[in-house]
């Protein structure tokens, strides 16, 4: 119900880019430009200076941004209060997930959430951990779920899942007969790594540093941006890797790959993050609570299930 022109303007003003605003709003760039032009015609003044493919707010634009932010916030508060009073949960909710979580973990959470709250339109963005944190910081997504550490004090972080990273190798690999892997074992084999910026990569790097070595000691022959690509390369006999046990369910069931714990285990947490100052819609509150409960229930099921050995 809030003026669409103000919403578009506020997004452009925040990102200082028509292209990025169009992507964030799922609009075409000409449509974004048209909305801004309408607002400038209404006020009979320029709101942006456009020079050398860059834009900046004019003094009038800064004034409009201040009021637009307040108007949009007040509208959100009003909408949320009325829906809380009536028990109605609806509206858009933009969730971001780092690659491992986005591929193997979050789909079941969103699916169960949508069944409980069918009027909430959930949109999912998947990127590496650094990308998701950046989206939360820039208000491009409402909630992020990541597997790497979060060091921004402006973000609220709640742990929702405990994960373990394991060494992954072909079933016929020399390491496949071991019950656990030493750090020194890793350096003697070709290693396939996640890309820089990945939460998995950062956890592995920190683990090695805490054990008096570095990732440079590994014989990294290639890097990939997803666990699926790494598993395919490992299955092809190109090397070994370290991945989340959460990504290995299918391969362990089919006995196509071997997952072996390190002698000193690598454990990490999946965390749900959102802005400390962001006004929280009821749909967002319900999702935060729902994700916590869903994870607790999933842990109970896994604890009851027979282990893969």
C-alpha atoms as a PDB file:
ATOM      1  CA  UNK A   1       0.000   0.000   0.000  1.00  0.00           C
ATOM      2  CA  UNK A   2       2.967   2.358   0.499  1.00  0.00           C
ATOM      3  CA  UNK A   3       3.625   4.535  -2.572  1.00  0.00           C
ATOM      4  CA  UNK A   4       5.472   2.347  -5.086  1.00  0.00           C
ATOM      5  CA  UNK A   5       7.472   5.319  -6.278  1.00  0.00           C
ATOM      6  CA  UNK A   6       8.860   5.861  -2.773  1.00  0.00           C
ATOM      7  CA  UNK A   7       9.770   2.183  -2.446  1.00  0.00           C
ATOM      8  CA  UNK A   8      11.618   2.246  -5.753  1.00  0.00           C
ATOM      9  CA  UNK A   9      13.303   5.552  -4.896  1.00  0.00           C
ATOM     10  CA  UNK A  10      14.416   4.284  -1.471  1.00  0.00           C
ATOM     11  CA  UNK A  11      15.970   1.189  -3.058  1.00  0.00           C
ATOM     12  CA  UNK A  12      17.850   3.202  -5.697  1.00  0.00           C
ATOM     13  CA  UNK A  13      18.992   5.670  -3.021  1.00  0.00           C
ATOM     14  CA  UNK A  14      20.268   2.840  -0.826  1.00  0.00           C
ATOM     15  CA  UNK A  15      22.120   0.988  -3.595  1.00  0.00           C
ATOM     16  CA  UNK A  16      23.024   4.063  -5.682  1.00  0.00           C
ATOM     17  CA  UNK A  17      22.462   1.978  -8.775  1.00  0.00           C
ATOM     18  CA  UNK A  18      19.452   1.656 -11.082  1.00  0.00           C
ATOM     19  CA  UNK A  19      20.681  -1.762 -12.228  1.00  0.00           C
ATOM     20  CA  UNK A  20      21.097  -3.175  -8.714  1.00  0.00           C
ATOM     21  CA  UNK A  21      17.781  -1.659  -7.638  1.00  0.00           C
ATOM     22  CA  UNK A  22      16.031  -3.310 -10.587  1.00  0.00           C
ATOM     23  CA  UNK A  23      17.542  -6.674  -9.632  1.00  0.00           C
ATOM     24  CA  UNK A  24      16.590  -6.225  -5.968  1.00  0.00           C
ATOM     25  CA  UNK A  25      13.003  -5.225  -6.830  1.00  0.00           C
ATOM     26  CA  UNK A  26      12.655  -7.799  -9.637  1.00  0.00           C
ATOM     27  CA  UNK A  27      11.822  -5.032 -12.090  1.00  0.00           C
ATOM     28  CA  UNK A  28      13.276  -4.004 -15.416  1.00  0.00           C
ATOM     29  CA  UNK A  29      15.703  -1.096 -15.354  1.00  0.00           C
ATOM     30  CA  UNK A  30      13.457   1.050 -17.616  1.00  0.00           C
ATOM     31  CA  UNK A  31      10.579   0.513 -15.149  1.00  0.00           C
ATOM     32  CA  UNK A  32      12.775   1.694 -12.265  1.00  0.00           C
ATOM     33  CA  UNK A  33      13.911   4.716 -14.272  1.00  0.00           C
ATOM     34  CA  UNK A  34      10.269   5.543 -15.109  1.00  0.00           C
ATOM     35  CA  UNK A  35       9.251   5.481 -11.415  1.00  0.00           C
ATOM     36  CA  UNK A  36      12.134   7.793 -10.470  1.00  0.00           C
ATOM     37  CA  UNK A  37      11.310  10.150 -13.341  1.00  0.00           C
ATOM     38  CA  UNK A  38       7.686  10.325 -12.165  1.00  0.00           C
ATOM     39  CA  UNK A  39       8.805  11.226  -8.649  1.00  0.00           C
ATOM     40  CA  UNK A  40      11.188  13.898  -9.962  1.00  0.00           C
ATOM     41  CA  UNK A  41       8.381  15.359 -12.085  1.00  0.00           C
ATOM     42  CA  UNK A  42       6.087  15.377  -9.039  1.00  0.00           C
ATOM     43  CA  UNK A  43       8.639  17.355  -6.985  1.00  0.00           C
ATOM     44  CA  UNK A  44       9.775  19.310 -10.047  1.00  0.00           C
ATOM     45  CA  UNK A  45      13.442  18.756  -9.177  1.00  0.00           C
ATOM     46  CA  UNK A  46      16.218  16.247  -9.717  1.00  0.00           C
ATOM     47  CA  UNK A  47      16.684  13.694  -6.962  1.00  0.00           C
ATOM     48  CA  UNK A  48      19.863  12.153  -8.400  1.00  0.00           C
ATOM     49  CA  UNK A  49      22.957  13.552 -10.082  1.00  0.00           C
ATOM     50  CA  UNK A  50      23.953  11.280 -12.940  1.00  0.00           C
ATOM     51  CA  UNK A  51      27.616  11.560 -14.002  1.00  0.00           C
ATOM     52  CA  UNK A  52      30.003   9.069 -15.657  1.00  0.00           C
ATOM     53  CA  UNK A  53      27.707   6.091 -15.111  1.00  0.00           C
ATOM     54  CA  UNK A  54      27.456   6.904 -11.402  1.00  0.00           C
ATOM     55  CA  UNK A  55      24.606   8.426  -9.454  1.00  0.00           C
ATOM     56  CA  UNK A  56      24.500  10.424  -6.230  1.00  0.00           C
ATOM     57  CA  UNK A  57      21.673  11.952  -4.257  1.00  0.00           C
ATOM     58  CA  UNK A  58      21.059  15.662  -4.668  1.00  0.00           C
ATOM     59  CA  UNK A  59      20.174  17.723  -1.581  1.00  0.00           C
ATOM     60  CA  UNK A  60      16.519  17.281  -2.515  1.00  0.00           C
ATOM     61  CA  UNK A  61      17.148  13.557  -2.929  1.00  0.00           C
ATOM     62  CA  UNK A  62      18.690  13.309   0.545  1.00  0.00           C
ATOM     63  CA  UNK A  63      15.628  15.050   1.988  1.00  0.00           C
ATOM     64  CA  UNK A  64      13.221  12.749   0.146  1.00  0.00           C
ATOM     65  CA  UNK A  65      15.230   9.680   1.219  1.00  0.00           C
ATOM     66  CA  UNK A  66      14.990  10.639   4.876  1.00  0.00           C
ATOM     67  CA  UNK A  67      11.211  10.994   4.694  1.00  0.00           C
ATOM     68  CA  UNK A  68      10.783   7.969   2.408  1.00  0.00           C
ATOM     69  CA  UNK A  69      12.654   5.731   4.872  1.00  0.00           C
ATOM     70  CA  UNK A  70      10.427   6.965   7.707  1.00  0.00           C
ATOM     71  CA  UNK A  71       7.224   6.531   5.686  1.00  0.00           C
ATOM     72  CA  UNK A  72       8.131   2.999   4.597  1.00  0.00           C
ATOM     73  CA  UNK A  73       9.067   2.049   8.175  1.00  0.00           C
ATOM     74  CA  UNK A  74       5.819   3.450   9.579  1.00  0.00           C
ATOM     75  CA  UNK A  75       3.831   1.602   6.931  1.00  0.00           C
ATOM     76  CA  UNK A  76       5.597  -1.655   7.792  1.00  0.00           C
ATOM     77  CA  UNK A  77       4.890  -1.124  11.491  1.00  0.00           C
ATOM     78  CA  UNK A  78       1.224  -0.367  10.803  1.00  0.00           C
ATOM     79  CA  UNK A  79       0.856  -3.388   8.535  1.00  0.00           C
ATOM     80  CA  UNK A  80       2.539  -5.648  11.081  1.00  0.00           C
ATOM     81  CA  UNK A  81       0.444  -4.399  14.019  1.00  0.00           C
ATOM     82  CA  UNK A  82      -2.831  -4.918  12.157  1.00  0.00           C
ATOM     83  CA  UNK A  83      -1.812  -8.403  11.026  1.00  0.00           C
ATOM     84  CA  UNK A  84      -0.725  -9.291  14.557  1.00  0.00           C
ATOM     85  CA  UNK A  85      -4.127  -8.152  15.834  1.00  0.00           C
ATOM     86  CA  UNK A  86      -6.003 -10.199  13.226  1.00  0.00           C
ATOM     87  CA  UNK A  87      -3.665 -13.209  13.385  1.00  0.00           C
ATOM     88  CA  UNK A  88      -2.859 -12.864   9.686  1.00  0.00           C
ATOM     89  CA  UNK A  89       0.634 -13.775   8.462  1.00  0.00           C
ATOM     90  CA  UNK A  90       1.389 -12.799   4.880  1.00  0.00           C
ATOM     91  CA  UNK A  91       3.611 -10.710   2.675  1.00  0.00           C
ATOM     92  CA  UNK A  92       6.963 -11.175   0.940  1.00  0.00           C
ATOM     93  CA  UNK A  93       9.934 -12.658   2.812  1.00  0.00           C
ATOM     94  CA  UNK A  94      13.373 -12.720   1.202  1.00  0.00           C
ATOM     95  CA  UNK A  95      15.704 -15.372   2.595  1.00  0.00           C
ATOM     96  CA  UNK A  96      19.350 -15.853   1.652  1.00  0.00           C
ATOM     97  CA  UNK A  97      21.388 -19.014   2.198  1.00  0.00           C
ATOM     98  CA  UNK A  98      25.026 -19.835   1.684  1.00  0.00           C
ATOM     99  CA  UNK A  99      25.701 -22.514  -0.924  1.00  0.00           C
ATOM    100  CA  UNK A 100      25.803 -25.648   1.240  1.00  0.00           C
ATOM    101  CA  UNK A 101      22.735 -24.621   3.218  1.00  0.00           C
ATOM    102  CA  UNK A 102      20.894 -23.465   0.096  1.00  0.00           C
ATOM    103  CA  UNK A 103      21.411 -26.775  -1.684  1.00  0.00           C
ATOM    104  CA  UNK A 104      20.945 -29.280   1.143  1.00  0.00           C
ATOM    105  CA  UNK A 105      19.341 -27.681   4.181  1.00  0.00           C
ATOM    106  CA  UNK A 106      17.047 -24.727   3.599  1.00  0.00           C
ATOM    107  CA  UNK A 107      14.652 -26.214   0.966  1.00  0.00           C
ATOM    108  CA  UNK A 108      13.020 -28.476   3.573  1.00  0.00           C
ATOM    109  CA  UNK A 109      12.716 -25.557   6.020  1.00  0.00           C
ATOM    110  CA  UNK A 110      11.086 -23.283   3.437  1.00  0.00           C
ATOM    111  CA  UNK A 111       8.823 -26.064   2.194  1.00  0.00           C
ATOM    112  CA  UNK A 112       7.520 -26.786   5.697  1.00  0.00           C
ATOM    113  CA  UNK A 113       7.178 -23.054   6.432  1.00  0.00           C
ATOM    114  CA  UNK A 114       5.179 -22.420   3.246  1.00  0.00           C
ATOM    115  CA  UNK A 115       2.809 -25.253   4.206  1.00  0.00           C
ATOM    116  CA  UNK A 116       2.137 -23.553   7.543  1.00  0.00           C
ATOM    117  CA  UNK A 117       2.001 -20.005   6.141  1.00  0.00           C
ATOM    118  CA  UNK A 118       0.791 -20.267   2.519  1.00  0.00           C
ATOM    119  CA  UNK A 119       0.140 -16.520   2.203  1.00  0.00           C
ATOM    120  CA  UNK A 120       3.787 -15.623   2.767  1.00  0.00           C
ATOM    121  CA  UNK A 121       5.699 -15.405  -0.503  1.00  0.00           C
ATOM    122  CA  UNK A 122       9.209 -16.659   0.271  1.00  0.00           C
ATOM    123  CA  UNK A 123      11.996 -15.833  -2.176  1.00  0.00           C
ATOM    124  CA  UNK A 124      15.383 -17.544  -1.817  1.00  0.00           C
ATOM    125  CA  UNK A 125      18.786 -16.200  -2.866  1.00  0.00           C
ATOM    126  CA  UNK A 126      21.814 -18.532  -2.782  1.00  0.00           C
ATOM    127  CA  UNK A 127      25.420 -17.278  -2.698  1.00  0.00           C
ATOM    128  CA  UNK A 128      28.553 -17.963  -0.682  1.00  0.00           C
ATOM    129  CA  UNK A 129      28.695 -16.868   2.963  1.00  0.00           C
ATOM    130  CA  UNK A 130      30.341 -13.495   2.278  1.00  0.00           C
ATOM    131  CA  UNK A 131      27.733 -12.732  -0.373  1.00  0.00           C
ATOM    132  CA  UNK A 132      24.806 -13.544   1.926  1.00  0.00           C
ATOM    133  CA  UNK A 133      26.193 -11.459   4.799  1.00  0.00           C
ATOM    134  CA  UNK A 134      26.699  -8.572   2.359  1.00  0.00           C
ATOM    135  CA  UNK A 135      23.048  -8.883   1.244  1.00  0.00           C
ATOM    136  CA  UNK A 136      21.833  -8.765   4.860  1.00  0.00           C
ATOM    137  CA  UNK A 137      24.031  -5.750   5.592  1.00  0.00           C
ATOM    138  CA  UNK A 138      22.659  -3.926   2.540  1.00  0.00           C
ATOM    139  CA  UNK A 139      19.046  -4.818   3.314  1.00  0.00           C
ATOM    140  CA  UNK A 140      18.716  -6.824   0.102  1.00  0.00           C
ATOM    141  CA  UNK A 141      17.393  -9.823   2.034  1.00  0.00           C
ATOM    142  CA  UNK A 142      15.450 -10.089   5.301  1.00  0.00           C
ATOM    143  CA  UNK A 143      17.179 -13.151   6.741  1.00  0.00           C
ATOM    144  CA  UNK A 144      20.420 -14.955   5.952  1.00  0.00           C
ATOM    145  CA  UNK A 145      21.453 -18.481   6.914  1.00  0.00           C
ATOM    146  CA  UNK A 146      25.188 -19.118   6.671  1.00  0.00           C
ATOM    147  CA  UNK A 147      27.750 -21.728   7.666  1.00  0.00           C
ATOM    148  CA  UNK A 148      30.673 -19.389   8.240  1.00  0.00           C
ATOM    149  CA  UNK A 149      31.484 -17.148  11.209  1.00  0.00           C
ATOM    150  CA  UNK A 150      29.730 -13.758  11.331  1.00  0.00           C
ATOM    151  CA  UNK A 151      31.721 -10.879  12.775  1.00  0.00           C
ATOM    152  CA  UNK A 152      29.398  -7.924  12.119  1.00  0.00           C
ATOM    153  CA  UNK A 153      28.112  -6.548  15.448  1.00  0.00           C
ATOM    154  CA  UNK A 154      25.195  -4.861  13.652  1.00  0.00           C
ATOM    155  CA  UNK A 155      23.775  -8.280  12.830  1.00  0.00           C
ATOM    156  CA  UNK A 156      21.948 -10.577  15.235  1.00  0.00           C
ATOM    157  CA  UNK A 157      23.241 -14.141  14.958  1.00  0.00           C
ATOM    158  CA  UNK A 158      21.500 -17.244  16.320  1.00  0.00           C
ATOM    159  CA  UNK A 159      22.934 -20.753  15.951  1.00  0.00           C
ATOM    160  CA  UNK A 160      20.362 -23.189  14.565  1.00  0.00           C
ATOM    161  CA  UNK A 161      22.392 -26.249  13.567  1.00  0.00           C
ATOM    162  CA  UNK A 162      25.623 -28.040  14.509  1.00  0.00           C
ATOM    163  CA  UNK A 163      27.526 -29.439  11.539  1.00  0.00           C
ATOM    164  CA  UNK A 164      30.672 -31.518  11.020  1.00  0.00           C
ATOM    165  CA  UNK A 165      33.097 -31.372   8.104  1.00  0.00           C
ATOM    166  CA  UNK A 166      34.583 -34.669   6.927  1.00  0.00           C
ATOM    167  CA  UNK A 167      37.182 -35.852   4.450  1.00  0.00           C
ATOM    168  CA  UNK A 168      35.545 -37.098   1.241  1.00  0.00           C
ATOM    169  CA  UNK A 169      37.254 -39.580  -1.073  1.00  0.00           C
ATOM    170  CA  UNK A 170      36.402 -42.371  -3.561  1.00  0.00           C
ATOM    171  CA  UNK A 171      35.622 -45.741  -1.997  1.00  0.00           C
ATOM    172  CA  UNK A 172      38.760 -47.260  -3.572  1.00  0.00           C
ATOM    173  CA  UNK A 173      41.068 -44.430  -2.397  1.00  0.00           C
ATOM    174  CA  UNK A 174      44.003 -45.334  -0.077  1.00  0.00           C
ATOM    175  CA  UNK A 175      42.423 -43.205   2.680  1.00  0.00           C
ATOM    176  CA  UNK A 176      39.064 -44.993   2.424  1.00  0.00           C
ATOM    177  CA  UNK A 177      40.117 -47.758   4.832  1.00  0.00           C
ATOM    178  CA  UNK A 178      40.997 -45.339   7.625  1.00  0.00           C
ATOM    179  CA  UNK A 179      38.643 -44.727  10.553  1.00  0.00           C
ATOM    180  CA  UNK A 180      39.947 -41.162  10.945  1.00  0.00           C
ATOM    181  CA  UNK A 181      42.272 -38.850   9.031  1.00  0.00           C
ATOM    182  CA  UNK A 182      45.350 -37.017  10.292  1.00  0.00           C
ATOM    183  CA  UNK A 183      46.085 -33.501   9.076  1.00  0.00           C
ATOM    184  CA  UNK A 184      49.372 -34.780   7.690  1.00  0.00           C
ATOM    185  CA  UNK A 185      47.425 -37.236   5.494  1.00  0.00           C
ATOM    186  CA  UNK A 186      45.794 -34.352   3.629  1.00  0.00           C
ATOM    187  CA  UNK A 187      49.047 -32.894   2.293  1.00  0.00           C
ATOM    188  CA  UNK A 188      50.044 -36.091   0.473  1.00  0.00           C
ATOM    189  CA  UNK A 189      47.006 -36.187  -1.828  1.00  0.00           C
ATOM    190  CA  UNK A 190      45.537 -33.907  -4.496  1.00  0.00           C
ATOM    191  CA  UNK A 191      42.983 -31.652  -2.827  1.00  0.00           C
ATOM    192  CA  UNK A 192      39.821 -30.088  -4.275  1.00  0.00           C
ATOM    193  CA  UNK A 193      38.728 -26.948  -2.425  1.00  0.00           C
ATOM    194  CA  UNK A 194      35.759 -24.617  -2.177  1.00  0.00           C
ATOM    195  CA  UNK A 195      36.276 -21.114  -3.527  1.00  0.00           C
ATOM    196  CA  UNK A 196      37.479 -18.131  -1.473  1.00  0.00           C
ATOM    197  CA  UNK A 197      34.545 -16.463   0.276  1.00  0.00           C
ATOM    198  CA  UNK A 198      32.946 -19.830   1.004  1.00  0.00           C
ATOM    199  CA  UNK A 199      32.056 -20.537   4.633  1.00  0.00           C
ATOM    200  CA  UNK A 200      33.408 -24.079   4.250  1.00  0.00           C
ATOM    201  CA  UNK A 201      36.716 -22.735   2.908  1.00  0.00           C
ATOM    202  CA  UNK A 202      37.040 -20.298   5.828  1.00  0.00           C
ATOM    203  CA  UNK A 203      36.330 -23.009   8.411  1.00  0.00           C
ATOM    204  CA  UNK A 204      38.971 -25.291   6.848  1.00  0.00           C
ATOM    205  CA  UNK A 205      41.523 -22.448   6.744  1.00  0.00           C
ATOM    206  CA  UNK A 206      40.910 -21.614  10.424  1.00  0.00           C
ATOM    207  CA  UNK A 207      41.129 -25.305  11.368  1.00  0.00           C
ATOM    208  CA  UNK A 208      44.517 -25.644   9.669  1.00  0.00           C
ATOM    209  CA  UNK A 209      45.835 -22.452  11.281  1.00  0.00           C
ATOM    210  CA  UNK A 210      44.740 -23.691  14.708  1.00  0.00           C
ATOM    211  CA  UNK A 211      46.719 -26.852  14.013  1.00  0.00           C
ATOM    212  CA  UNK A 212      49.965 -25.087  13.057  1.00  0.00           C
ATOM    213  CA  UNK A 213      49.608 -25.307   9.285  1.00  0.00           C
ATOM    214  CA  UNK A 214      47.963 -23.398   6.431  1.00  0.00           C
ATOM    215  CA  UNK A 215      45.825 -24.137   3.404  1.00  0.00           C
ATOM    216  CA  UNK A 216      48.920 -23.504   1.261  1.00  0.00           C
ATOM    217  CA  UNK A 217      50.305 -26.771   2.613  1.00  0.00           C
ATOM    218  CA  UNK A 218      47.573 -28.630   0.728  1.00  0.00           C
ATOM    219  CA  UNK A 219      48.076 -29.683  -2.880  1.00  0.00           C
ATOM    220  CA  UNK A 220      45.053 -27.771  -4.210  1.00  0.00           C
ATOM    221  CA  UNK A 221      44.556 -28.747  -7.837  1.00  0.00           C
ATOM    222  CA  UNK A 222      41.190 -27.075  -8.409  1.00  0.00           C
ATOM    223  CA  UNK A 223      38.488 -24.983  -6.709  1.00  0.00           C
ATOM    224  CA  UNK A 224      34.714 -25.155  -7.147  1.00  0.00           C
ATOM    225  CA  UNK A 225      31.775 -23.033  -6.063  1.00  0.00           C
ATOM    226  CA  UNK A 226      29.468 -25.845  -4.965  1.00  0.00           C
ATOM    227  CA  UNK A 227      29.613 -29.166  -3.065  1.00  0.00           C
ATOM    228  CA  UNK A 228      28.019 -30.983  -6.024  1.00  0.00           C
ATOM    229  CA  UNK A 229      30.865 -29.989  -8.340  1.00  0.00           C
ATOM    230  CA  UNK A 230      33.417 -31.087  -5.753  1.00  0.00           C
ATOM    231  CA  UNK A 231      31.711 -34.454  -5.194  1.00  0.00           C
ATOM    232  CA  UNK A 232      31.653 -35.098  -8.942  1.00  0.00           C
ATOM    233  CA  UNK A 233      35.367 -34.309  -9.179  1.00  0.00           C
ATOM    234  CA  UNK A 234      36.148 -36.552  -6.202  1.00  0.00           C
ATOM    235  CA  UNK A 235      34.063 -39.383  -7.691  1.00  0.00           C
ATOM    236  CA  UNK A 236      36.058 -39.000 -10.917  1.00  0.00           C
ATOM    237  CA  UNK A 237      39.238 -39.705  -8.944  1.00  0.00           C
ATOM    238  CA  UNK A 238      40.685 -36.212  -9.272  1.00  0.00           C
ATOM    239  CA  UNK A 239      41.392 -35.774  -5.571  1.00  0.00           C
ATOM    240  CA  UNK A 240      39.993 -35.637  -2.049  1.00  0.00           C
ATOM    241  CA  UNK A 241      38.122 -32.823  -0.313  1.00  0.00           C
ATOM    242  CA  UNK A 242      36.555 -31.656   2.940  1.00  0.00           C
ATOM    243  CA  UNK A 243      32.792 -31.139   2.914  1.00  0.00           C
ATOM    244  CA  UNK A 244      29.855 -30.911   5.277  1.00  0.00           C
ATOM    245  CA  UNK A 245      28.442 -34.295   6.285  1.00  0.00           C
ATOM    246  CA  UNK A 246      25.043 -32.728   5.502  1.00  0.00           C
ATOM    247  CA  UNK A 247      25.933 -32.830   1.782  1.00  0.00           C
ATOM    248  CA  UNK A 248      26.752 -36.547   1.779  1.00  0.00           C
ATOM    249  CA  UNK A 249      23.417 -38.246   2.483  1.00  0.00           C
ATOM    250  CA  UNK A 250      22.866 -39.575  -1.060  1.00  0.00           C
ATOM    251  CA  UNK A 251      26.479 -40.664  -1.635  1.00  0.00           C
ATOM    252  CA  UNK A 252      26.662 -42.514   1.683  1.00  0.00           C
ATOM    253  CA  UNK A 253      23.381 -44.305   0.994  1.00  0.00           C
ATOM    254  CA  UNK A 254      24.660 -45.402  -2.443  1.00  0.00           C
ATOM    255  CA  UNK A 255      28.202 -46.120  -1.144  1.00  0.00           C
ATOM    256  CA  UNK A 256      29.557 -44.048  -4.048  1.00  0.00           C
ATOM    257  CA  UNK A 257      31.882 -41.949  -1.849  1.00  0.00           C
ATOM    258  CA  UNK A 258      33.470 -42.365   1.545  1.00  0.00           C
ATOM    259  CA  UNK A 259      33.147 -39.780   4.346  1.00  0.00           C
ATOM    260  CA  UNK A 260      35.833 -40.038   7.031  1.00  0.00           C
ATOM    261  CA  UNK A 261      36.098 -37.821  10.135  1.00  0.00           C
ATOM    262  CA  UNK A 262      39.325 -36.039  10.931  1.00  0.00           C
ATOM    263  CA  UNK A 263      41.134 -37.237  14.051  1.00  0.00           C
ATOM    264  CA  UNK A 264      40.611 -33.736  15.431  1.00  0.00           C
ATOM    265  CA  UNK A 265      37.030 -33.150  14.228  1.00  0.00           C
ATOM    266  CA  UNK A 266      35.983 -29.989  12.399  1.00  0.00           C
ATOM    267  CA  UNK A 267      32.686 -28.801  13.811  1.00  0.00           C
ATOM    268  CA  UNK A 268      30.869 -25.607  12.972  1.00  0.00           C
ATOM    269  CA  UNK A 269      27.488 -23.990  13.343  1.00  0.00           C
ATOM    270  CA  UNK A 270      24.871 -22.923  10.847  1.00  0.00           C
ATOM    271  CA  UNK A 271      23.661 -19.475  11.885  1.00  0.00           C
ATOM    272  CA  UNK A 272      20.622 -17.408  11.052  1.00  0.00           C
ATOM    273  CA  UNK A 273      21.410 -13.681  10.768  1.00  0.00           C
ATOM    274  CA  UNK A 274      19.409 -10.497  10.361  1.00  0.00           C
ATOM    275  CA  UNK A 275      19.878  -6.799  10.939  1.00  0.00           C
ATOM    276  CA  UNK A 276      19.797  -5.618  14.539  1.00  0.00           C
ATOM    277  CA  UNK A 277      17.990  -2.378  13.631  1.00  0.00           C
ATOM    278  CA  UNK A 278      15.671  -3.756  10.950  1.00  0.00           C
ATOM    279  CA  UNK A 279      11.947  -3.617  11.688  1.00  0.00           C
ATOM    280  CA  UNK A 280      10.756  -7.207  11.819  1.00  0.00           C
ATOM    281  CA  UNK A 281       7.532  -8.109  10.062  1.00  0.00           C
ATOM    282  CA  UNK A 282       5.445 -10.863  11.592  1.00  0.00           C
ATOM    283  CA  UNK A 283       6.314 -13.176   8.691  1.00  0.00           C
ATOM    284  CA  UNK A 284       9.989 -12.708   9.591  1.00  0.00           C
ATOM    285  CA  UNK A 285       9.407 -13.419  13.296  1.00  0.00           C
ATOM    286  CA  UNK A 286       7.421 -16.538  12.441  1.00  0.00           C
ATOM    287  CA  UNK A 287      10.181 -17.761  10.115  1.00  0.00           C
ATOM    288  CA  UNK A 288      12.890 -17.246  12.760  1.00  0.00           C
ATOM    289  CA  UNK A 289      10.898 -19.251  15.294  1.00  0.00           C
ATOM    290  CA  UNK A 290       9.867 -21.857  12.718  1.00  0.00           C
ATOM    291  CA  UNK A 291      13.471 -22.473  11.601  1.00  0.00           C
ATOM    292  CA  UNK A 292      14.584 -23.070  15.198  1.00  0.00           C
ATOM    293  CA  UNK A 293      11.800 -25.591  15.848  1.00  0.00           C
ATOM    294  CA  UNK A 294      12.305 -27.329  12.479  1.00  0.00           C
ATOM    295  CA  UNK A 295      16.019 -27.801  13.191  1.00  0.00           C
ATOM    296  CA  UNK A 296      15.360 -29.225  16.659  1.00  0.00           C
ATOM    297  CA  UNK A 297      12.914 -31.747  15.207  1.00  0.00           C
ATOM    298  CA  UNK A 298      15.319 -32.704  12.410  1.00  0.00           C
ATOM    299  CA  UNK A 299      18.119 -33.275  14.944  1.00  0.00           C
ATOM    300  CA  UNK A 300      15.879 -35.654  16.920  1.00  0.00           C
ATOM    301  CA  UNK A 301      15.168 -37.668  13.758  1.00  0.00           C
ATOM    302  CA  UNK A 302      18.871 -37.864  12.867  1.00  0.00           C
ATOM    303  CA  UNK A 303      19.761 -38.967  16.395  1.00  0.00           C
ATOM    304  CA  UNK A 304      17.262 -41.835  16.104  1.00  0.00           C
ATOM    305  CA  UNK A 305      18.434 -42.858  12.632  1.00  0.00           C
ATOM    306  CA  UNK A 306      21.143 -45.554  12.263  1.00  0.00           C
ATOM    307  CA  UNK A 307      24.616 -44.114  11.655  1.00  0.00           C
ATOM    308  CA  UNK A 308      26.401 -44.479   8.317  1.00  0.00           C
ATOM    309  CA  UNK A 309      29.609 -46.352   8.940  1.00  0.00           C
END
